[in-house]
Amino acid sequence: AVEAQALSVQVLVCLAAADARAAENDLVALLDYDKFDFIKLLLRHRWKVVCCTQLAQAQSDAERARVREAMAKRAETAAVLAELDAARTRTDDVFNETRQLEQRIRKEAKEMKRLRA
């Protein structure tokens, strides 16, 4: 478990490297060439992995805000933040629509019950 934790930290450091070629070389050296398909997948989604992992590891709202602020300064990570915010907005919209629909259904059910009485 400790080895896996250390390896995941090293992979994250490699993914966060500014140079894509250096990140690829470091990952191949770290994970071995036989995992090249996995490495390609990591590299294809590297900024999403980096952003989501760093945000998930933040221990407080203040730390999360600092991480988001730093990410907003880089084009690669700012794009991921925009995607995350858009997804959150869509989720919130669906939740609000569902809640409003539930309230209307309850209101109509009460009205039907009142009319039957």
PDB file of N, CA and C in Angstrom:
ATOM      1  N   ALA A   1       0.825  -1.197   0.000  1.00  0.00           N
ATOM      2  CA  ALA A   1       0.000   0.000   0.000  1.00  0.00           C
ATOM      3  C   ALA A   1       0.867   1.259   0.000  1.00  0.00           C
ATOM      4  N   VAL A   2       1.933   1.231   0.767  1.00  0.00           N
ATOM      5  CA  VAL A   2       2.833   2.378   0.839  1.00  0.00           C
ATOM      6  C   VAL A   2       3.522   2.584  -0.514  1.00  0.00           C
ATOM      7  N   GLU A   3       3.894   1.467  -1.153  1.00  0.00           N
ATOM      8  CA  GLU A   3       4.537   1.553  -2.462  1.00  0.00           C
ATOM      9  C   GLU A   3       3.578   2.131  -3.497  1.00  0.00           C
ATOM     10  N   ALA A   4       2.328   1.702  -3.458  1.00  0.00           N
ATOM     11  CA  ALA A   4       1.334   2.209  -4.399  1.00  0.00           C
ATOM     12  C   ALA A   4       1.099   3.700  -4.188  1.00  0.00           C
ATOM     13  N   GLN A   5       1.072   4.122  -2.930  1.00  0.00           N
ATOM     14  CA  GLN A   5       0.899   5.540  -2.607  1.00  0.00           C
ATOM     15  C   GLN A   5       2.071   6.352  -3.146  1.00  0.00           C
ATOM     16  N   ALA A   6       3.278   5.861  -2.942  1.00  0.00           N
ATOM     17  CA  ALA A   6       4.468   6.556  -3.424  1.00  0.00           C
ATOM     18  C   ALA A   6       4.475   6.622  -4.951  1.00  0.00           C
ATOM     19  N   LEU A   7       4.080   5.530  -5.589  1.00  0.00           N
ATOM     20  CA  LEU A   7       4.021   5.496  -7.049  1.00  0.00           C
ATOM     21  C   LEU A   7       2.985   6.484  -7.576  1.00  0.00           C
ATOM     22  N   SER A   8       1.837   6.577  -6.919  1.00  0.00           N
ATOM     23  CA  SER A   8       0.802   7.508  -7.377  1.00  0.00           C
ATOM     24  C   SER A   8       1.272   8.958  -7.260  1.00  0.00           C
ATOM     25  N   VAL A   9       2.034   9.257  -6.214  1.00  0.00           N
ATOM     26  CA  VAL A   9       2.595  10.607  -6.055  1.00  0.00           C
ATOM     27  C   VAL A   9       3.585  10.892  -7.181  1.00  0.00           C
ATOM     28  N   GLN A  10       4.427   9.917  -7.495  1.00  0.00           N
ATOM     29  CA  GLN A  10       5.400  10.098  -8.572  1.00  0.00           C
ATOM     30  C   GLN A  10       4.709  10.272  -9.926  1.00  0.00           C
ATOM     31  N   VAL A  11       3.667   9.502 -10.174  1.00  0.00           N
ATOM     32  CA  VAL A  11       2.912   9.632 -11.427  1.00  0.00           C
ATOM     33  C   VAL A  11       2.303  11.027 -11.527  1.00  0.00           C
ATOM     34  N   LEU A  12       1.749  11.512 -10.443  1.00  0.00           N
ATOM     35  CA  LEU A  12       1.145  12.850 -10.447  1.00  0.00           C
ATOM     36  C   LEU A  12       2.197  13.920 -10.719  1.00  0.00           C
ATOM     37  N   VAL A  13       3.370  13.772 -10.143  1.00  0.00           N
ATOM     38  CA  VAL A  13       4.459  14.725 -10.402  1.00  0.00           C
ATOM     39  C   VAL A  13       4.837  14.700 -11.881  1.00  0.00           C
ATOM     40  N   CYS A  14       4.919  13.518 -12.451  1.00  0.00           N
ATOM     41  CA  CYS A  14       5.243  13.395 -13.885  1.00  0.00           C
ATOM     42  C   CYS A  14       4.165  14.066 -14.740  1.00  0.00           C
ATOM     43  N   LEU A  15       2.922  13.812 -14.431  1.00  0.00           N
ATOM     44  CA  LEU A  15       1.817  14.372 -15.211  1.00  0.00           C
ATOM     45  C   LEU A  15       1.781  15.890 -15.133  1.00  0.00           C
ATOM     46  N   ALA A  16       2.188  16.442 -14.014  1.00  0.00           N
ATOM     47  CA  ALA A  16       2.133  17.893 -13.819  1.00  0.00           C
ATOM     48  C   ALA A  16       3.298  18.623 -14.489  1.00  0.00           C
ATOM     49  N   ALA A  17       4.233  17.882 -15.049  1.00  0.00           N
ATOM     50  CA  ALA A  17       5.372  18.517 -15.723  1.00  0.00           C
ATOM     51  C   ALA A  17       4.871  19.369 -16.884  1.00  0.00           C
ATOM     52  N   ALA A  18       5.515  20.504 -17.085  1.00  0.00           N
ATOM     53  CA  ALA A  18       5.090  21.435 -18.141  1.00  0.00           C
ATOM     54  C   ALA A  18       5.280  20.840 -19.530  1.00  0.00           C
ATOM     55  N   ASP A  19       6.340  20.087 -19.729  1.00  0.00           N
ATOM     56  CA  ASP A  19       6.668  19.534 -21.042  1.00  0.00           C
ATOM     57  C   ASP A  19       6.054  18.141 -21.210  1.00  0.00           C
ATOM     58  N   ALA A  20       5.234  17.991 -22.230  1.00  0.00           N
ATOM     59  CA  ALA A  20       4.547  16.719 -22.464  1.00  0.00           C
ATOM     60  C   ALA A  20       5.531  15.592 -22.765  1.00  0.00           C
ATOM     61  N   ARG A  21       6.559  15.881 -23.526  1.00  0.00           N
ATOM     62  CA  ARG A  21       7.549  14.853 -23.873  1.00  0.00           C
ATOM     63  C   ARG A  21       8.293  14.384 -22.623  1.00  0.00           C
ATOM     64  N   ALA A  22       8.663  15.306 -21.769  1.00  0.00           N
ATOM     65  CA  ALA A  22       9.338  14.944 -20.519  1.00  0.00           C
ATOM     66  C   ALA A  22       8.407  14.112 -19.640  1.00  0.00           C
ATOM     67  N   ALA A  23       7.143  14.487 -19.596  1.00  0.00           N
ATOM     68  CA  ALA A  23       6.173  13.721 -18.807  1.00  0.00           C
ATOM     69  C   ALA A  23       6.071  12.294 -19.337  1.00  0.00           C
ATOM     70  N   GLU A  24       5.998  12.151 -20.660  1.00  0.00           N
ATOM     71  CA  GLU A  24       5.921  10.818 -21.256  1.00  0.00           C
ATOM     72  C   GLU A  24       7.166  10.000 -20.923  1.00  0.00           C
ATOM     73  N   ASN A  25       8.341  10.587 -21.108  1.00  0.00           N
ATOM     74  CA  ASN A  25       9.590   9.865 -20.819  1.00  0.00           C
ATOM     75  C   ASN A  25       9.669   9.455 -19.354  1.00  0.00           C
ATOM     76  N   ASP A  26       9.296  10.358 -18.465  1.00  0.00           N
ATOM     77  CA  ASP A  26       9.342  10.054 -17.031  1.00  0.00           C
ATOM     78  C   ASP A  26       8.367   8.937 -16.666  1.00  0.00           C
ATOM     79  N   LEU A  27       7.184   8.962 -17.272  1.00  0.00           N
ATOM     80  CA  LEU A  27       6.199   7.910 -16.985  1.00  0.00           C
ATOM     81  C   LEU A  27       6.653   6.553 -17.515  1.00  0.00           C
ATOM     82  N   VAL A  28       7.251   6.539 -18.699  1.00  0.00           N
ATOM     83  CA  VAL A  28       7.766   5.276 -19.243  1.00  0.00           C
ATOM     84  C   VAL A  28       8.866   4.724 -18.333  1.00  0.00           C
ATOM     85  N   ALA A  29       9.736   5.595 -17.858  1.00  0.00           N
ATOM     86  CA  ALA A  29      10.801   5.150 -16.952  1.00  0.00           C
ATOM     87  C   ALA A  29      10.224   4.648 -15.630  1.00  0.00           C
ATOM     88  N   LEU A  30       9.160   5.286 -15.178  1.00  0.00           N
ATOM     89  CA  LEU A  30       8.565   4.936 -13.890  1.00  0.00           C
ATOM     90  C   LEU A  30       7.709   3.673 -13.967  1.00  0.00           C
ATOM     91  N   LEU A  31       6.906   3.554 -15.027  1.00  0.00           N
ATOM     92  CA  LEU A  31       5.925   2.465 -15.117  1.00  0.00           C
ATOM     93  C   LEU A  31       6.345   1.333 -16.055  1.00  0.00           C
ATOM     94  N   ASP A  32       7.389   1.520 -16.820  1.00  0.00           N
ATOM     95  CA  ASP A  32       7.896   0.558 -17.802  1.00  0.00           C
ATOM     96  C   ASP A  32       7.113   0.656 -19.116  1.00  0.00           C
ATOM     97  N   TYR A  33       7.800   0.271 -20.167  1.00  0.00           N
ATOM     98  CA  TYR A  33       7.257   0.427 -21.516  1.00  0.00           C
ATOM     99  C   TYR A  33       6.043  -0.473 -21.764  1.00  0.00           C
ATOM    100  N   ASP A  34       5.957  -1.596 -21.072  1.00  0.00           N
ATOM    101  CA  ASP A  34       4.840  -2.517 -21.301  1.00  0.00           C
ATOM    102  C   ASP A  34       3.487  -1.916 -20.907  1.00  0.00           C
ATOM    103  N   LYS A  35       3.497  -0.809 -20.195  1.00  0.00           N
ATOM    104  CA  LYS A  35       2.252  -0.133 -19.809  1.00  0.00           C
ATOM    105  C   LYS A  35       2.028   1.125 -20.658  1.00  0.00           C
ATOM    106  N   PHE A  36       2.558   1.108 -21.883  1.00  0.00           N
ATOM    107  CA  PHE A  36       2.522   2.301 -22.719  1.00  0.00           C
ATOM    108  C   PHE A  36       1.101   2.722 -23.074  1.00  0.00           C
ATOM    109  N   ASP A  37       0.169   1.776 -23.265  1.00  0.00           N
ATOM    110  CA  ASP A  37      -1.223   2.147 -23.544  1.00  0.00           C
ATOM    111  C   ASP A  37      -1.818   2.923 -22.370  1.00  0.00           C
ATOM    112  N   PHE A  38      -1.521   2.468 -21.176  1.00  0.00           N
ATOM    113  CA  PHE A  38      -1.985   3.173 -19.973  1.00  0.00           C
ATOM    114  C   PHE A  38      -1.333   4.550 -19.880  1.00  0.00           C
ATOM    115  N   ILE A  39      -0.069   4.624 -20.202  1.00  0.00           N
ATOM    116  CA  ILE A  39       0.652   5.898 -20.175  1.00  0.00           C
ATOM    117  C   ILE A  39       0.040   6.869 -21.180  1.00  0.00           C
ATOM    118  N   LYS A  40      -0.285   6.383 -22.376  1.00  0.00           N
ATOM    119  CA  LYS A  40      -0.929   7.249 -23.377  1.00  0.00           C
ATOM    120  C   LYS A  40      -2.263   7.772 -22.859  1.00  0.00           C
ATOM    121  N   LEU A  41      -3.016   6.912 -22.185  1.00  0.00           N
ATOM    122  CA  LEU A  41      -4.301   7.327 -21.618  1.00  0.00           C
ATOM    123  C   LEU A  41      -4.093   8.406 -20.551  1.00  0.00           C
ATOM    124  N   LEU A  42      -3.126   8.183 -19.686  1.00  0.00           N
ATOM    125  CA  LEU A  42      -2.808   9.191 -18.666  1.00  0.00           C
ATOM    126  C   LEU A  42      -2.420  10.522 -19.303  1.00  0.00           C
ATOM    127  N   LEU A  43      -1.590  10.456 -20.324  1.00  0.00           N
ATOM    128  CA  LEU A  43      -1.136  11.685 -20.980  1.00  0.00           C
ATOM    129  C   LEU A  43      -2.273  12.401 -21.709  1.00  0.00           C
ATOM    130  N   ARG A  44      -3.175  11.642 -22.290  1.00  0.00           N
ATOM    131  CA  ARG A  44      -4.307  12.234 -22.998  1.00  0.00           C
ATOM    132  C   ARG A  44      -5.194  13.031 -22.029  1.00  0.00           C
ATOM    133  N   HIS A  45      -5.285  12.556 -20.799  1.00  0.00           N
ATOM    134  CA  HIS A  45      -6.155  13.195 -19.807  1.00  0.00           C
ATOM    135  C   HIS A  45      -5.350  13.782 -18.645  1.00  0.00           C
ATOM    136  N   ARG A  46      -4.099  14.096 -18.898  1.00  0.00           N
ATOM    137  CA  ARG A  46      -3.211  14.445 -17.789  1.00  0.00           C
ATOM    138  C   ARG A  46      -3.667  15.654 -17.002  1.00  0.00           C
ATOM    139  N   TRP A  47      -4.168  16.691 -17.658  1.00  0.00           N
ATOM    140  CA  TRP A  47      -4.564  17.878 -16.904  1.00  0.00           C
ATOM    141  C   TRP A  47      -5.828  17.626 -16.093  1.00  0.00           C
ATOM    142  N   LYS A  48      -6.704  16.781 -16.601  1.00  0.00           N
ATOM    143  CA  LYS A  48      -7.892  16.419 -15.817  1.00  0.00           C
ATOM    144  C   LYS A  48      -7.487  15.620 -14.586  1.00  0.00           C
ATOM    145  N   VAL A  49      -6.562  14.696 -14.770  1.00  0.00           N
ATOM    146  CA  VAL A  49      -6.079  13.884 -13.640  1.00  0.00           C
ATOM    147  C   VAL A  49      -5.413  14.781 -12.608  1.00  0.00           C
ATOM    148  N   VAL A  50      -4.549  15.681 -13.062  1.00  0.00           N
ATOM    149  CA  VAL A  50      -3.835  16.567 -12.148  1.00  0.00           C
ATOM    150  C   VAL A  50      -4.822  17.455 -11.389  1.00  0.00           C
ATOM    151  N   CYS A  51      -5.714  18.109 -12.117  1.00  0.00           N
ATOM    152  CA  CYS A  51      -6.671  19.029 -11.474  1.00  0.00           C
ATOM    153  C   CYS A  51      -7.576  18.312 -10.483  1.00  0.00           C
ATOM    154  N   CYS A  52      -8.186  17.247 -10.931  1.00  0.00           N
ATOM    155  CA  CYS A  52      -9.139  16.546 -10.066  1.00  0.00           C
ATOM    156  C   CYS A  52      -8.446  15.963  -8.839  1.00  0.00           C
ATOM    157  N   THR A  53      -7.246  15.445  -9.013  1.00  0.00           N
ATOM    158  CA  THR A  53      -6.512  14.875  -7.878  1.00  0.00           C
ATOM    159  C   THR A  53      -6.131  15.960  -6.884  1.00  0.00           C
ATOM    160  N   GLN A  54      -5.603  17.071  -7.386  1.00  0.00           N
ATOM    161  CA  GLN A  54      -5.203  18.140  -6.474  1.00  0.00           C
ATOM    162  C   GLN A  54      -6.408  18.735  -5.750  1.00  0.00           C
ATOM    163  N   LEU A  55      -7.510  18.896  -6.442  1.00  0.00           N
ATOM    164  CA  LEU A  55      -8.717  19.425  -5.786  1.00  0.00           C
ATOM    165  C   LEU A  55      -9.243  18.437  -4.742  1.00  0.00           C
ATOM    166  N   ALA A  56      -9.209  17.156  -5.072  1.00  0.00           N
ATOM    167  CA  ALA A  56      -9.696  16.142  -4.135  1.00  0.00           C
ATOM    168  C   ALA A  56      -8.797  16.025  -2.904  1.00  0.00           C
ATOM    169  N   GLN A  57      -7.515  16.293  -3.065  1.00  0.00           N
ATOM    170  CA  GLN A  57      -6.583  16.188  -1.949  1.00  0.00           C
ATOM    171  C   GLN A  57      -6.595  17.417  -1.046  1.00  0.00           C
ATOM    172  N   ALA A  58      -7.210  18.503  -1.500  1.00  0.00           N
ATOM    173  CA  ALA A  58      -7.269  19.715  -0.675  1.00  0.00           C
ATOM    174  C   ALA A  58      -8.052  19.406   0.596  1.00  0.00           C
ATOM    175  N   GLN A  59      -7.505  19.820   1.739  1.00  0.00           N
ATOM    176  CA  GLN A  59      -8.080  19.466   3.031  1.00  0.00           C
ATOM    177  C   GLN A  59      -9.113  20.471   3.543  1.00  0.00           C
ATOM    178  N   SER A  60      -9.168  21.654   2.940  1.00  0.00           N
ATOM    179  CA  SER A  60     -10.102  22.673   3.420  1.00  0.00           C
ATOM    180  C   SER A  60     -10.589  23.505   2.237  1.00  0.00           C
ATOM    181  N   ASP A  61     -11.617  24.281   2.482  1.00  0.00           N
ATOM    182  CA  ASP A  61     -12.119  25.169   1.430  1.00  0.00           C
ATOM    183  C   ASP A  61     -11.066  26.205   1.056  1.00  0.00           C
ATOM    184  N   ALA A  62     -10.317  26.678   2.038  1.00  0.00           N
ATOM    185  CA  ALA A  62      -9.271  27.666   1.769  1.00  0.00           C
ATOM    186  C   ALA A  62      -8.176  27.062   0.889  1.00  0.00           C
ATOM    187  N   GLU A  63      -7.785  25.848   1.195  1.00  0.00           N
ATOM    188  CA  GLU A  63      -6.760  25.179   0.390  1.00  0.00           C
ATOM    189  C   GLU A  63      -7.285  24.915  -1.018  1.00  0.00           C
ATOM    190  N   ARG A  64      -8.540  24.496  -1.109  1.00  0.00           N
ATOM    191  CA  ARG A  64      -9.168  24.255  -2.414  1.00  0.00           C
ATOM    192  C   ARG A  64      -9.205  25.548  -3.230  1.00  0.00           C
ATOM    193  N   ALA A  65      -9.492  26.655  -2.573  1.00  0.00           N
ATOM    194  CA  ALA A  65      -9.520  27.951  -3.262  1.00  0.00           C
ATOM    195  C   ALA A  65      -8.134  28.318  -3.771  1.00  0.00           C
ATOM    196  N   ARG A  66      -7.092  28.042  -2.976  1.00  0.00           N
ATOM    197  CA  ARG A  66      -5.717  28.319  -3.416  1.00  0.00           C
ATOM    198  C   ARG A  66      -5.342  27.453  -4.617  1.00  0.00           C
ATOM    199  N   VAL A  67      -5.747  26.190  -4.580  1.00  0.00           N
ATOM    200  CA  VAL A  67      -5.465  25.278  -5.695  1.00  0.00           C
ATOM    201  C   VAL A  67      -6.173  25.775  -6.954  1.00  0.00           C
ATOM    202  N   ARG A  68      -7.437  26.158  -6.808  1.00  0.00           N
ATOM    203  CA  ARG A  68      -8.199  26.658  -7.958  1.00  0.00           C
ATOM    204  C   ARG A  68      -7.569  27.941  -8.511  1.00  0.00           C
ATOM    205  N   GLU A  69      -7.119  28.801  -7.626  1.00  0.00           N
ATOM    206  CA  GLU A  69      -6.494  30.056  -8.053  1.00  0.00           C
ATOM    207  C   GLU A  69      -5.227  29.784  -8.865  1.00  0.00           C
ATOM    208  N   ALA A  70      -4.417  28.854  -8.386  1.00  0.00           N
ATOM    209  CA  ALA A  70      -3.188  28.499  -9.110  1.00  0.00           C
ATOM    210  C   ALA A  70      -3.523  27.868 -10.460  1.00  0.00           C
ATOM    211  N   MET A  71      -4.541  27.039 -10.489  1.00  0.00           N
ATOM    212  CA  MET A  71      -4.935  26.384 -11.738  1.00  0.00           C
ATOM    213  C   MET A  71      -5.492  27.374 -12.745  1.00  0.00           C
ATOM    214  N   ALA A  72      -6.162  28.384 -12.266  1.00  0.00           N
ATOM    215  CA  ALA A  72      -6.760  29.381 -13.157  1.00  0.00           C
ATOM    216  C   ALA A  72      -5.694  30.168 -13.918  1.00  0.00           C
ATOM    217  N   LYS A  73      -4.471  30.155 -13.435  1.00  0.00           N
ATOM    218  CA  LYS A  73      -3.387  30.918 -14.062  1.00  0.00           C
ATOM    219  C   LYS A  73      -2.744  30.202 -15.246  1.00  0.00           C
ATOM    220  N   ARG A  74      -3.008  28.899 -15.399  1.00  0.00           N
ATOM    221  CA  ARG A  74      -2.431  28.121 -16.503  1.00  0.00           C
ATOM    222  C   ARG A  74      -3.525  27.760 -17.480  1.00  0.00           C
ATOM    223  N   ALA A  75      -3.251  27.916 -18.756  1.00  0.00           N
ATOM    224  CA  ALA A  75      -4.264  27.655 -19.786  1.00  0.00           C
ATOM    225  C   ALA A  75      -4.786  26.214 -19.716  1.00  0.00           C
ATOM    226  N   GLU A  76      -3.880  25.242 -19.534  1.00  0.00           N
ATOM    227  CA  GLU A  76      -4.286  23.829 -19.537  1.00  0.00           C
ATOM    228  C   GLU A  76      -5.236  23.516 -18.387  1.00  0.00           C
ATOM    229  N   THR A  77      -4.877  23.997 -17.210  1.00  0.00           N
ATOM    230  CA  THR A  77      -5.687  23.684 -16.041  1.00  0.00           C
ATOM    231  C   THR A  77      -6.915  24.590 -15.944  1.00  0.00           C
ATOM    232  N   ALA A  78      -6.819  25.800 -16.471  1.00  0.00           N
ATOM    233  CA  ALA A  78      -7.983  26.692 -16.474  1.00  0.00           C
ATOM    234  C   ALA A  78      -9.107  26.085 -17.317  1.00  0.00           C
ATOM    235  N   ALA A  79      -8.754  25.428 -18.408  1.00  0.00           N
ATOM    236  CA  ALA A  79      -9.758  24.776 -19.257  1.00  0.00           C
ATOM    237  C   ALA A  79     -10.467  23.655 -18.497  1.00  0.00           C
ATOM    238  N   VAL A  80      -9.702  22.903 -17.717  1.00  0.00           N
ATOM    239  CA  VAL A  80     -10.298  21.814 -16.919  1.00  0.00           C
ATOM    240  C   VAL A  80     -11.217  22.404 -15.850  1.00  0.00           C
ATOM    241  N   LEU A  81     -10.791  23.479 -15.200  1.00  0.00           N
ATOM    242  CA  LEU A  81     -11.643  24.131 -14.201  1.00  0.00           C
ATOM    243  C   LEU A  81     -12.947  24.597 -14.827  1.00  0.00           C
ATOM    244  N   ALA A  82     -12.863  25.143 -16.025  1.00  0.00           N
ATOM    245  CA  ALA A  82     -14.076  25.588 -16.717  1.00  0.00           C
ATOM    246  C   ALA A  82     -15.004  24.405 -16.976  1.00  0.00           C
ATOM    247  N   GLU A  83     -14.444  23.268 -17.384  1.00  0.00           N
ATOM    248  CA  GLU A  83     -15.250  22.057 -17.591  1.00  0.00           C
ATOM    249  C   GLU A  83     -15.909  21.602 -16.292  1.00  0.00           C
ATOM    250  N   LEU A  84     -15.136  21.596 -15.208  1.00  0.00           N
ATOM    251  CA  LEU A  84     -15.679  21.185 -13.912  1.00  0.00           C
ATOM    252  C   LEU A  84     -16.801  22.121 -13.464  1.00  0.00           C
ATOM    253  N   ASP A  85     -16.591  23.419 -13.632  1.00  0.00           N
ATOM    254  CA  ASP A  85     -17.613  24.389 -13.243  1.00  0.00           C
ATOM    255  C   ASP A  85     -18.873  24.233 -14.087  1.00  0.00           C
ATOM    256  N   ALA A  86     -18.702  23.992 -15.387  1.00  0.00           N
ATOM    257  CA  ALA A  86     -19.856  23.796 -16.266  1.00  0.00           C
ATOM    258  C   ALA A  86     -20.626  22.537 -15.874  1.00  0.00           C
ATOM    259  N   ALA A  87     -19.892  21.480 -15.550  1.00  0.00           N
ATOM    260  CA  ALA A  87     -20.544  20.234 -15.127  1.00  0.00           C
ATOM    261  C   ALA A  87     -21.293  20.450 -13.812  1.00  0.00           C
ATOM    262  N   ARG A  88     -20.694  21.202 -12.899  1.00  0.00           N
ATOM    263  CA  ARG A  88     -21.349  21.487 -11.617  1.00  0.00           C
ATOM    264  C   ARG A  88     -22.623  22.303 -11.853  1.00  0.00           C
ATOM    265  N   THR A  89     -22.549  23.270 -12.754  1.00  0.00           N
ATOM    266  CA  THR A  89     -23.715  24.094 -13.058  1.00  0.00           C
ATOM    267  C   THR A  89     -24.831  23.234 -13.652  1.00  0.00           C
ATOM    268  N   ARG A  90     -24.473  22.357 -14.582  1.00  0.00           N
ATOM    269  CA  ARG A  90     -25.486  21.469 -15.176  1.00  0.00           C
ATOM    270  C   ARG A  90     -26.111  20.576 -14.103  1.00  0.00           C
ATOM    271  N   THR A  91     -25.283  20.050 -13.218  1.00  0.00           N
ATOM    272  CA  THR A  91     -25.782  19.192 -12.142  1.00  0.00           C
ATOM    273  C   THR A  91     -26.710  19.979 -11.220  1.00  0.00           C
ATOM    274  N   ASP A  92     -26.307  21.187 -10.861  1.00  0.00           N
ATOM    275  CA  ASP A  92     -27.146  22.030 -10.014  1.00  0.00           C
ATOM    276  C   ASP A  92     -28.468  22.350 -10.693  1.00  0.00           C
ATOM    277  N   ASP A  93     -28.420  22.626 -11.992  1.00  0.00           N
ATOM    278  CA  ASP A  93     -29.646  22.924 -12.740  1.00  0.00           C
ATOM    279  C   ASP A  93     -30.600  21.727 -12.731  1.00  0.00           C
ATOM    280  N   VAL A  94     -30.072  20.555 -12.968  1.00  0.00           N
ATOM    281  CA  VAL A  94     -30.903  19.341 -12.952  1.00  0.00           C
ATOM    282  C   VAL A  94     -31.491  19.128 -11.567  1.00  0.00           C
ATOM    283  N   PHE A  95     -30.679  19.314 -10.539  1.00  0.00           N
ATOM    284  CA  PHE A  95     -31.152  19.146  -9.167  1.00  0.00           C
ATOM    285  C   PHE A  95     -32.285  20.129  -8.870  1.00  0.00           C
ATOM    286  N   ASN A  96     -32.100  21.394  -9.252  1.00  0.00           N
ATOM    287  CA  ASN A  96     -33.133  22.406  -9.007  1.00  0.00           C
ATOM    288  C   ASN A  96     -34.408  22.111  -9.780  1.00  0.00           C
ATOM    289  N   GLU A  97     -34.273  21.685 -11.027  1.00  0.00           N
ATOM    290  CA  GLU A  97     -35.456  21.333 -11.820  1.00  0.00           C
ATOM    291  C   GLU A  97     -36.195  20.160 -11.194  1.00  0.00           C
ATOM    292  N   THR A  98     -35.456  19.180 -10.719  1.00  0.00           N
ATOM    293  CA  THR A  98     -36.063  18.011 -10.080  1.00  0.00           C
ATOM    294  C   THR A  98     -36.793  18.418  -8.807  1.00  0.00           C
ATOM    295  N   ARG A  99     -36.169  19.280  -8.029  1.00  0.00           N
ATOM    296  CA  ARG A  99     -36.798  19.744  -6.791  1.00  0.00           C
ATOM    297  C   ARG A  99     -38.086  20.526  -7.093  1.00  0.00           C
ATOM    298  N   GLN A 100     -38.052  21.377  -8.105  1.00  0.00           N
ATOM    299  CA  GLN A 100     -39.243  22.143  -8.483  1.00  0.00           C
ATOM    300  C   GLN A 100     -40.356  21.221  -8.976  1.00  0.00           C
ATOM    301  N   LEU A 101     -39.989  20.216  -9.754  1.00  0.00           N
ATOM    302  CA  LEU A 101     -40.974  19.254 -10.235  1.00  0.00           C
ATOM    303  C   LEU A 101     -41.594  18.496  -9.069  1.00  0.00           C
ATOM    304  N   GLU A 102     -40.775  18.100  -8.129  1.00  0.00           N
ATOM    305  CA  GLU A 102     -41.270  17.397  -6.943  1.00  0.00           C
ATOM    306  C   GLU A 102     -42.250  18.274  -6.164  1.00  0.00           C
ATOM    307  N   GLN A 103     -41.926  19.535  -6.015  1.00  0.00           N
ATOM    308  CA  GLN A 103     -42.824  20.453  -5.302  1.00  0.00           C
ATOM    309  C   GLN A 103     -44.158  20.607  -6.033  1.00  0.00           C
ATOM    310  N   ARG A 104     -44.130  20.710  -7.358  1.00  0.00           N
ATOM    311  CA  ARG A 104     -45.374  20.819  -8.129  1.00  0.00           C
ATOM    312  C   ARG A 104     -46.220  19.563  -7.996  1.00  0.00           C
ATOM    313  N   ILE A 105     -45.553  18.403  -8.029  1.00  0.00           N
ATOM    314  CA  ILE A 105     -46.282  17.138  -7.903  1.00  0.00           C
ATOM    315  C   ILE A 105     -46.945  17.050  -6.539  1.00  0.00           C
ATOM    316  N   ARG A 106     -46.218  17.421  -5.492  1.00  0.00           N
ATOM    317  CA  ARG A 106     -46.793  17.397  -4.144  1.00  0.00           C
ATOM    318  C   ARG A 106     -47.983  18.347  -4.037  1.00  0.00           C
ATOM    319  N   LYS A 107     -47.841  19.527  -4.619  1.00  0.00           N
ATOM    320  CA  LYS A 107     -48.921  20.517  -4.588  1.00  0.00           C
ATOM    321  C   LYS A 107     -50.154  19.985  -5.323  1.00  0.00           C
ATOM    322  N   GLU A 108     -49.932  19.393  -6.506  1.00  0.00           N
ATOM    323  CA  GLU A 108     -51.050  18.838  -7.259  1.00  0.00           C
ATOM    324  C   GLU A 108     -51.689  17.664  -6.529  1.00  0.00           C
ATOM    325  N   ALA A 109     -50.884  16.837  -5.871  1.00  0.00           N
ATOM    326  CA  ALA A 109     -51.421  15.707  -5.117  1.00  0.00           C
ATOM    327  C   ALA A 109     -52.287  16.201  -3.959  1.00  0.00           C
ATOM    328  N   LYS A 110     -51.826  17.245  -3.271  1.00  0.00           N
ATOM    329  CA  LYS A 110     -52.626  17.820  -2.186  1.00  0.00           C
ATOM    330  C   LYS A 110     -53.931  18.386  -2.722  1.00  0.00           C
ATOM    331  N   GLU A 111     -53.873  19.057  -3.859  1.00  0.00           N
ATOM    332  CA  GLU A 111     -55.068  19.643  -4.458  1.00  0.00           C
ATOM    333  C   GLU A 111     -56.051  18.552  -4.861  1.00  0.00           C
ATOM    334  N   MET A 112     -55.543  17.459  -5.443  1.00  0.00           N
ATOM    335  CA  MET A 112     -56.422  16.337  -5.815  1.00  0.00           C
ATOM    336  C   MET A 112     -57.054  15.721  -4.581  1.00  0.00           C
ATOM    337  N   LYS A 113     -56.289  15.579  -3.526  1.00  0.00           N
ATOM    338  CA  LYS A 113     -56.799  15.016  -2.282  1.00  0.00           C
ATOM    339  C   LYS A 113     -57.878  15.916  -1.706  1.00  0.00           C
ATOM    340  N   ARG A 114     -57.655  17.227  -1.766  1.00  0.00           N
ATOM    341  CA  ARG A 114     -58.642  18.186  -1.270  1.00  0.00           C
ATOM    342  C   ARG A 114     -59.931  18.120  -2.093  1.00  0.00           C
ATOM    343  N   LEU A 115     -59.815  17.969  -3.396  1.00  0.00           N
ATOM    344  CA  LEU A 115     -60.996  17.915  -4.249  1.00  0.00           C
ATOM    345  C   LEU A 115     -61.805  16.625  -4.042  1.00  0.00           C
ATOM    346  N   ARG A 116     -61.131  15.543  -3.690  1.00  0.00           N
ATOM    347  CA  ARG A 116     -61.822  14.273  -3.441  1.00  0.00           C
ATOM    348  C   ARG A 116     -62.561  14.284  -2.097  1.00  0.00           C
ATOM    349  N   ALA A 117     -62.100  15.088  -1.184  1.00  0.00           N
ATOM    350  CA  ALA A 117     -62.698  15.105   0.144  1.00  0.00           C
ATOM    351  C   ALA A 117     -64.032  15.803   0.189  1.00  0.00           C
TER     352      ALA A 117
END
